[in-house]
Amino acid sequence: MKRQILILYTGGTIGMTSSAQGYVPDDGFEALLNSRLQRHHSPGSAHQLPDYRLVKFDQLIDSSNLMPADWTLIGQALIENWHDYDGFIVLHGTDTMAYTASALSFILQGMNKPVIITGSQIPLSELRNDALDNLVTSLILAGNYDIPEVCIYFNGRLLRGNRSKKVKSTELDAFDSPNFAWLGQVGIHIAIQHPLLLKPGSPNFNLPHFKPNGIVIAPIYPGISARVIDALLDAEEVRALILQSYGVGNPPDQNKTFIASLERAGNNGIVVLNTSQCLQGSVHQGAYATGETLNRIGVIPAADLTLEAAFTKLHFLIGMGDDATAIRENITRPLCGECSLAS
């Protein structure tokens, strides 16, 4: 029996068309998509397209305008349809795709069906595009393989969603997972790395209320002033600060007023999480004396969490009602494969 797949069209380049103002949503996208997919129904093929239903969001999301509340809308649509379909495709813009993939992984803990997020760098409406292959392959993966995770599929790579990053702005291989192996690779053959997949669970879904201003981010740069930190934290609703520091987690510890601002934040109940600006590797806070300064003042090392996973996990924990102590305990405890166990 063929699997039944729900395609949620939330927006993104995949459904756009050219205009004098640049790419804009294509009113004929649904008809175009159905027409293109009908040509790929091959009864004799080793992999057949599953039956699918396309649902379009009333208000399409330009992914550069994504807000945390949009994760709730997407998560709610998946949860409401969870028992009626065997798998799900989410069509999404690329700019914030890794954020949404990470957020959905926390919302859909214990999932037992595939949720594959995809999109394109070139719209389906263009003669030369990457949209059709990304969508067709995502449908084949969701319709023929047991993948109980939120994944991103893009340009031959099946990636764990909460390990993914957009690493290229204009190339077709736009996504990678720098600190975790690909879950699958699609070329002439489809090769799924089954030992890497999460085990199917019992759905334990939660839709927290995301607070849009609860988390702020501060990239470290030479000469950064304490005023930057103080300004970011000058709002009552801020609950967490993500640092993007150098290398394995090194701050400018000779900048005493900067360090004092971080310490003051922690003393005021704000969780300070230290990530690395590097694309690969983990935070080893204390490998250098500068990093040990952060250990002394209670800053939490983020292990190998991506910025996207750290940001959305903090949002999730805050939305679930965790206080600062619980967040500090849980932020690097893996919930759904988003990070390695801290040593």
Protein backbone atom coordinates (compact mmCIF):
# COMPACT_ATOMS: atom_id res chain seq x y z
CA MET A 1 0.00 0.00 0.00
CA LYS A 2 1.37 3.39 -1.00
CA ARG A 3 2.28 5.79 1.73
CA GLN A 4 0.27 8.98 2.02
CA ILE A 5 2.39 12.13 2.27
CA LEU A 6 1.32 15.63 3.26
CA ILE A 7 3.22 18.50 1.62
CA LEU A 8 3.03 21.74 3.59
CA TYR A 9 3.87 24.69 1.38
CA THR A 10 4.92 27.44 3.79
CA GLY A 11 6.71 29.68 1.29
CA GLY A 12 10.21 30.11 -0.06
CA THR A 13 12.06 30.39 -3.35
CA ILE A 14 10.72 27.06 -4.57
CA GLY A 15 7.27 28.58 -5.16
CA MET A 16 8.32 31.94 -6.55
CA THR A 17 8.55 33.51 -9.99
CA SER A 18 10.54 36.37 -11.47
CA SER A 19 9.21 39.94 -11.41
CA ALA A 20 10.57 43.44 -11.85
CA GLN A 21 11.03 43.55 -8.05
CA GLY A 22 12.83 40.20 -7.89
CA TYR A 23 11.33 36.85 -6.93
CA VAL A 24 7.70 36.96 -5.71
CA PRO A 25 5.22 34.15 -4.86
CA ASP A 26 3.83 32.38 -7.94
CA ASP A 27 0.01 32.20 -7.90
CA GLY A 28 0.18 29.18 -10.19
CA PHE A 29 2.66 27.20 -8.09
CA GLU A 30 0.24 24.47 -6.99
CA ALA A 31 -0.86 23.68 -10.54
CA LEU A 32 2.75 23.80 -11.77
CA LEU A 33 3.91 21.46 -9.01
CA ASN A 34 1.15 18.93 -9.69
CA SER A 35 1.90 19.03 -13.40
CA ARG A 36 5.62 18.44 -12.90
CA LEU A 37 5.10 15.64 -10.39
CA GLN A 38 2.60 13.82 -12.59
CA ARG A 39 5.36 13.28 -15.12
CA HIS A 40 7.35 11.36 -12.50
CA HIS A 41 4.76 8.65 -11.82
CA SER A 42 6.57 5.58 -13.21
CA PRO A 43 4.85 2.29 -12.30
CA GLY A 44 7.91 0.25 -13.25
CA SER A 45 10.40 2.32 -11.26
CA ALA A 46 12.24 0.93 -8.25
CA HIS A 47 11.06 3.96 -6.30
CA GLN A 48 7.58 5.29 -6.93
CA LEU A 49 6.22 8.60 -5.81
CA PRO A 50 3.79 8.22 -2.93
CA ASP A 51 0.33 9.70 -3.03
CA TYR A 52 0.41 13.21 -1.69
CA ARG A 53 -1.76 16.14 -0.73
CA LEU A 54 -0.52 19.71 -0.96
CA VAL A 55 -1.64 22.23 1.65
CA LYS A 56 -0.68 25.87 1.14
CA PHE A 57 -0.38 28.29 4.04
CA ASP A 58 -2.83 31.17 3.69
CA GLN A 59 -0.02 33.60 4.54
CA LEU A 60 3.18 32.44 2.89
CA ILE A 61 6.36 33.01 4.87
CA ASP A 62 9.32 34.72 3.27
CA SER A 63 11.93 32.91 5.32
CA SER A 64 13.95 36.07 5.95
CA ASN A 65 10.83 37.39 7.75
CA LEU A 66 10.37 34.21 9.82
CA MET A 67 9.32 34.70 13.44
CA PRO A 68 9.33 32.17 16.30
CA ALA A 69 5.52 32.14 16.15
CA ASP A 70 5.82 30.59 12.67
CA TRP A 71 7.36 27.47 14.22
CA THR A 72 4.16 27.10 16.21
CA LEU A 73 2.03 27.39 13.06
CA ILE A 74 4.09 24.78 11.18
CA GLY A 75 4.29 22.48 14.19
CA GLN A 76 0.54 22.75 14.76
CA ALA A 77 -0.19 21.86 11.14
CA LEU A 78 2.01 18.76 11.43
CA ILE A 79 0.53 17.67 14.75
CA GLU A 80 -3.06 18.13 13.58
CA ASN A 81 -2.41 15.87 10.58
CA TRP A 82 0.01 13.45 12.23
CA HIS A 83 -2.30 10.42 12.36
CA ASP A 84 -3.67 10.89 8.84
CA TYR A 85 -0.40 10.64 6.89
CA ASP A 86 2.66 8.42 6.76
CA GLY A 87 5.14 11.23 6.26
CA PHE A 88 5.48 14.94 5.74
CA ILE A 89 7.30 17.36 3.44
CA VAL A 90 7.69 21.00 4.46
CA LEU A 91 8.49 23.40 1.63
CA HIS A 92 10.39 26.29 3.17
CA GLY A 93 12.70 29.15 2.27
CA THR A 94 16.40 28.45 2.63
CA ASP A 95 17.49 31.47 4.69
CA THR A 96 15.98 30.21 7.95
CA MET A 97 15.40 26.57 7.03
CA ALA A 98 17.92 25.31 9.59
CA TYR A 99 16.19 27.29 12.35
CA THR A 100 12.80 25.78 11.50
CA ALA A 101 14.25 22.27 11.19
CA SER A 102 15.82 22.62 14.63
CA ALA A 103 12.67 24.05 16.22
CA LEU A 104 10.47 21.31 14.78
CA SER A 105 12.82 18.63 16.09
CA PHE A 106 12.19 19.86 19.64
CA ILE A 107 8.45 20.24 19.10
CA LEU A 108 8.09 16.73 17.60
CA GLN A 109 10.10 14.71 20.12
CA GLY A 110 9.40 10.99 20.01
CA MET A 111 8.31 11.16 16.39
CA ASN A 112 7.84 7.95 14.43
CA LYS A 113 7.45 9.29 10.88
CA PRO A 114 9.62 11.30 8.49
CA VAL A 115 9.41 15.07 8.34
CA ILE A 116 11.60 16.30 5.50
CA ILE A 117 12.15 20.00 4.96
CA THR A 118 13.26 21.08 1.51
CA GLY A 119 13.19 23.99 -0.87
CA SER A 120 15.40 25.32 -3.62
CA GLN A 121 17.85 27.95 -4.69
CA ILE A 122 16.06 28.40 -8.04
CA PRO A 123 12.24 28.46 -8.31
CA LEU A 124 10.32 25.58 -9.88
CA SER A 125 8.97 28.09 -12.40
CA GLU A 126 12.42 28.53 -13.96
CA LEU A 127 13.46 26.25 -16.81
CA ARG A 128 16.72 25.36 -15.05
CA ASN A 129 16.07 24.70 -11.38
CA ASP A 130 16.97 22.52 -8.43
CA ALA A 131 13.42 22.58 -7.07
CA LEU A 132 12.02 19.55 -8.85
CA ASP A 133 14.83 17.18 -7.91
CA ASN A 134 14.77 18.29 -4.27
CA LEU A 135 11.01 17.76 -4.07
CA VAL A 136 10.89 14.47 -5.99
CA THR A 137 13.72 13.00 -3.93
CA SER A 138 12.14 14.20 -0.68
CA LEU A 139 8.90 12.47 -1.67
CA ILE A 140 10.77 9.26 -2.50
CA LEU A 141 12.57 9.37 0.85
CA ALA A 142 9.38 10.02 2.81
CA GLY A 143 7.42 7.48 0.80
CA ASN A 144 9.88 4.57 0.81
CA TYR A 145 12.15 4.84 3.86
CA ASP A 146 11.68 4.77 7.62
CA ILE A 147 13.28 8.02 8.75
CA PRO A 148 11.79 9.03 12.13
CA GLU A 149 13.46 12.43 12.24
CA VAL A 150 13.11 16.03 11.17
CA CYS A 151 15.55 16.24 8.27
CA ILE A 152 16.66 18.65 5.61
CA TYR A 153 17.05 17.21 2.14
CA PHE A 154 18.97 19.35 -0.30
CA ASN A 155 21.09 18.58 -3.37
CA GLY A 156 21.79 14.93 -2.67
CA ARG A 157 22.25 15.29 1.08
CA LEU A 158 19.90 14.07 3.78
CA LEU A 159 20.84 15.90 6.97
CA ARG A 160 19.67 15.81 10.56
CA GLY A 161 17.67 19.01 10.80
CA ASN A 162 19.04 20.21 14.11
CA ARG A 163 22.63 19.66 12.94
CA SER A 164 22.19 21.56 9.69
CA LYS A 165 23.40 24.95 8.52
CA LYS A 166 23.07 26.94 5.33
CA VAL A 167 26.73 27.22 4.34
CA LYS A 168 26.51 28.67 0.81
CA SER A 169 24.41 31.57 -0.40
CA THR A 170 24.31 30.90 -4.15
CA GLU A 171 25.45 27.30 -4.74
CA LEU A 172 23.00 24.44 -5.10
CA ASP A 173 24.69 22.42 -2.34
CA ALA A 174 23.66 25.11 0.12
CA PHE A 175 23.31 22.94 3.24
CA ASP A 176 25.64 20.81 5.30
CA SER A 177 25.94 19.43 8.83
CA PRO A 178 29.54 20.29 9.77
CA ASN A 179 29.61 18.41 13.08
CA PHE A 180 27.55 15.36 12.17
CA ALA A 181 27.66 12.85 9.34
CA TRP A 182 25.03 12.99 6.61
CA LEU A 183 22.07 10.70 7.30
CA GLY A 184 21.95 9.81 3.62
CA GLN A 185 23.45 10.55 0.24
CA VAL A 186 21.51 10.47 -3.01
CA GLY A 187 23.31 9.93 -6.28
CA ILE A 188 22.75 7.09 -8.72
CA HIS A 189 21.69 5.13 -5.65
CA ILE A 190 20.08 6.20 -2.38
CA ALA A 191 22.27 5.33 0.59
CA ILE A 192 20.71 5.84 4.03
CA GLN A 193 22.96 5.58 7.08
CA HIS A 194 20.48 3.65 9.20
CA PRO A 195 22.76 3.34 12.28
CA LEU A 196 22.83 7.14 12.53
CA LEU A 197 19.06 7.57 12.54
CA LEU A 198 17.17 8.23 15.73
CA LYS A 199 14.99 5.36 16.87
CA PRO A 200 11.25 5.76 16.33
CA GLY A 201 9.50 6.71 19.53
CA SER A 202 6.11 7.46 20.97
CA PRO A 203 5.06 10.96 19.96
CA ASN A 204 5.46 13.39 22.83
CA PHE A 205 4.66 16.62 21.08
CA ASN A 206 4.71 20.04 22.71
CA LEU A 207 3.78 23.40 21.24
CA PRO A 208 5.24 25.96 23.63
CA HIS A 209 4.50 29.64 23.47
CA PHE A 210 7.62 31.12 21.90
CA LYS A 211 8.61 34.53 23.24
CA PRO A 212 10.07 36.45 20.29
CA ASN A 213 12.34 38.69 22.37
CA GLY A 214 13.49 36.12 24.90
CA ILE A 215 16.93 35.42 23.41
CA VAL A 216 19.68 37.71 22.14
CA ILE A 217 22.93 36.93 20.30
CA ALA A 218 26.31 38.66 20.63
CA PRO A 219 29.14 37.84 18.22
CA ILE A 220 32.53 38.56 19.79
CA TYR A 221 34.89 40.80 17.82
CA PRO A 222 38.11 42.67 18.63
CA GLY A 223 37.33 45.67 20.79
CA ILE A 224 33.77 44.70 21.71
CA SER A 225 32.38 46.96 24.39
CA ALA A 226 30.48 46.02 27.50
CA ARG A 227 27.85 48.49 26.28
CA VAL A 228 26.94 46.02 23.54
CA ILE A 229 26.04 43.36 26.11
CA ASP A 230 24.29 45.84 28.38
CA ALA A 231 22.20 47.16 25.49
CA LEU A 232 21.19 43.66 24.39
CA LEU A 233 20.07 42.79 27.90
CA ASP A 234 18.22 46.04 28.52
CA ALA A 235 14.78 44.49 28.20
CA GLU A 236 12.78 42.68 30.85
CA GLU A 237 11.76 39.82 28.55
CA VAL A 238 15.33 38.69 27.77
CA ARG A 239 15.98 35.29 29.33
CA ALA A 240 19.14 34.11 27.56
CA LEU A 241 22.22 35.45 25.79
CA ILE A 242 24.14 33.45 23.18
CA LEU A 243 27.78 34.39 22.79
CA GLN A 244 29.60 33.59 19.56
CA SER A 245 33.17 33.53 20.79
CA TYR A 246 36.49 32.62 19.21
CA GLY A 247 37.81 29.11 18.54
CA VAL A 248 37.02 26.61 21.28
CA GLY A 249 35.11 29.21 23.27
CA ASN A 250 37.59 31.96 24.06
CA PRO A 251 36.45 35.48 25.07
CA PRO A 252 38.53 38.65 25.47
CA ASP A 253 39.09 38.10 29.19
CA GLN A 254 41.32 41.17 29.51
CA ASN A 255 38.25 43.26 28.72
CA LYS A 256 37.22 43.48 32.37
CA THR A 257 34.06 45.52 31.86
CA PHE A 258 32.88 43.07 29.20
CA ILE A 259 33.42 40.08 31.51
CA ALA A 260 31.73 41.97 34.34
CA SER A 261 28.65 42.51 32.16
CA LEU A 262 28.45 38.76 31.45
CA GLU A 263 28.83 37.94 35.14
CA ARG A 264 26.16 40.48 36.06
CA ALA A 265 23.80 38.93 33.52
CA GLY A 266 24.23 35.49 35.04
CA ASN A 267 23.70 36.84 38.54
CA ASN A 268 20.45 38.42 37.32
CA GLY A 269 19.10 35.04 36.18
CA ILE A 270 19.97 35.31 32.48
CA VAL A 271 21.39 32.13 30.94
CA VAL A 272 24.62 32.89 29.07
CA LEU A 273 25.50 30.20 26.51
CA ASN A 274 28.87 30.16 24.78
CA THR A 275 29.04 28.96 21.16
CA SER A 276 31.92 29.09 18.70
CA GLN A 277 32.22 31.21 15.58
CA CYS A 278 33.94 28.24 13.91
CA LEU A 279 31.95 26.13 11.49
CA GLN A 280 33.36 22.84 12.80
CA GLY A 281 34.38 21.66 16.22
CA SER A 282 33.08 21.98 19.74
CA VAL A 283 33.37 24.47 22.58
CA HIS A 284 35.97 23.38 25.12
CA GLN A 285 35.65 26.20 27.61
CA GLY A 286 38.78 26.18 29.73
CA ALA A 287 41.20 24.71 27.20
CA TYR A 288 42.73 28.20 27.40
CA ALA A 289 42.84 30.45 30.43
CA THR A 290 40.60 32.97 28.67
CA GLY A 291 37.85 30.37 28.44
CA GLU A 292 38.33 29.36 32.06
CA THR A 293 37.22 32.89 32.94
CA LEU A 294 33.78 32.02 31.57
CA ASN A 295 33.66 28.85 33.66
CA ARG A 296 34.35 30.96 36.74
CA ILE A 297 31.41 33.30 36.12
CA GLY A 298 28.92 30.56 35.23
CA VAL A 299 28.72 30.78 31.43
CA ILE A 300 27.54 27.48 29.90
CA PRO A 301 29.66 25.93 27.10
CA ALA A 302 27.44 24.93 24.16
CA ALA A 303 29.35 21.76 23.18
CA ASP A 304 28.79 21.27 19.41
CA LEU A 305 25.34 22.87 19.14
CA THR A 306 24.89 24.91 15.99
CA LEU A 307 23.78 28.49 16.50
CA GLU A 308 20.40 27.54 15.01
CA ALA A 309 19.94 24.59 17.36
CA ALA A 310 21.12 26.59 20.39
CA PHE A 311 18.76 29.46 19.58
CA THR A 312 15.70 27.28 18.99
CA LYS A 313 16.41 24.95 21.92
CA LEU A 314 16.63 27.92 24.28
CA HIS A 315 13.34 29.16 22.86
CA PHE A 316 11.82 25.72 23.38
CA LEU A 317 13.03 25.33 26.98
CA ILE A 318 11.90 28.83 27.89
CA GLY A 319 8.55 28.22 26.21
CA MET A 320 8.13 25.01 28.20
CA GLY A 321 8.51 26.98 31.41
CA ASP A 322 12.04 25.97 32.46
CA ASP A 323 13.71 28.38 34.86
CA ALA A 324 17.34 29.44 34.50
CA THR A 325 18.64 26.54 36.59
CA ALA A 326 16.76 23.95 34.53
CA ILE A 327 17.85 25.56 31.26
CA ARG A 328 21.50 25.46 32.31
CA GLU A 329 21.10 21.76 33.12
CA ASN A 330 19.21 20.84 29.94
CA ILE A 331 20.72 22.98 27.20
CA THR A 332 23.52 20.52 26.38
CA ARG A 333 21.60 17.37 27.32
CA PRO A 334 20.64 15.83 23.95
CA LEU A 335 16.89 15.72 23.43
CA CYS A 336 16.79 14.56 19.80
CA GLY A 337 20.33 14.21 18.52
CA GLU A 338 21.10 17.93 18.39
CA CYS A 339 24.45 17.72 20.16
CA SER A 340 27.04 15.29 21.41
CA LEU A 341 27.14 14.39 25.08
CA ALA A 342 29.33 16.88 26.92
CA SER A 343 32.45 15.32 28.40
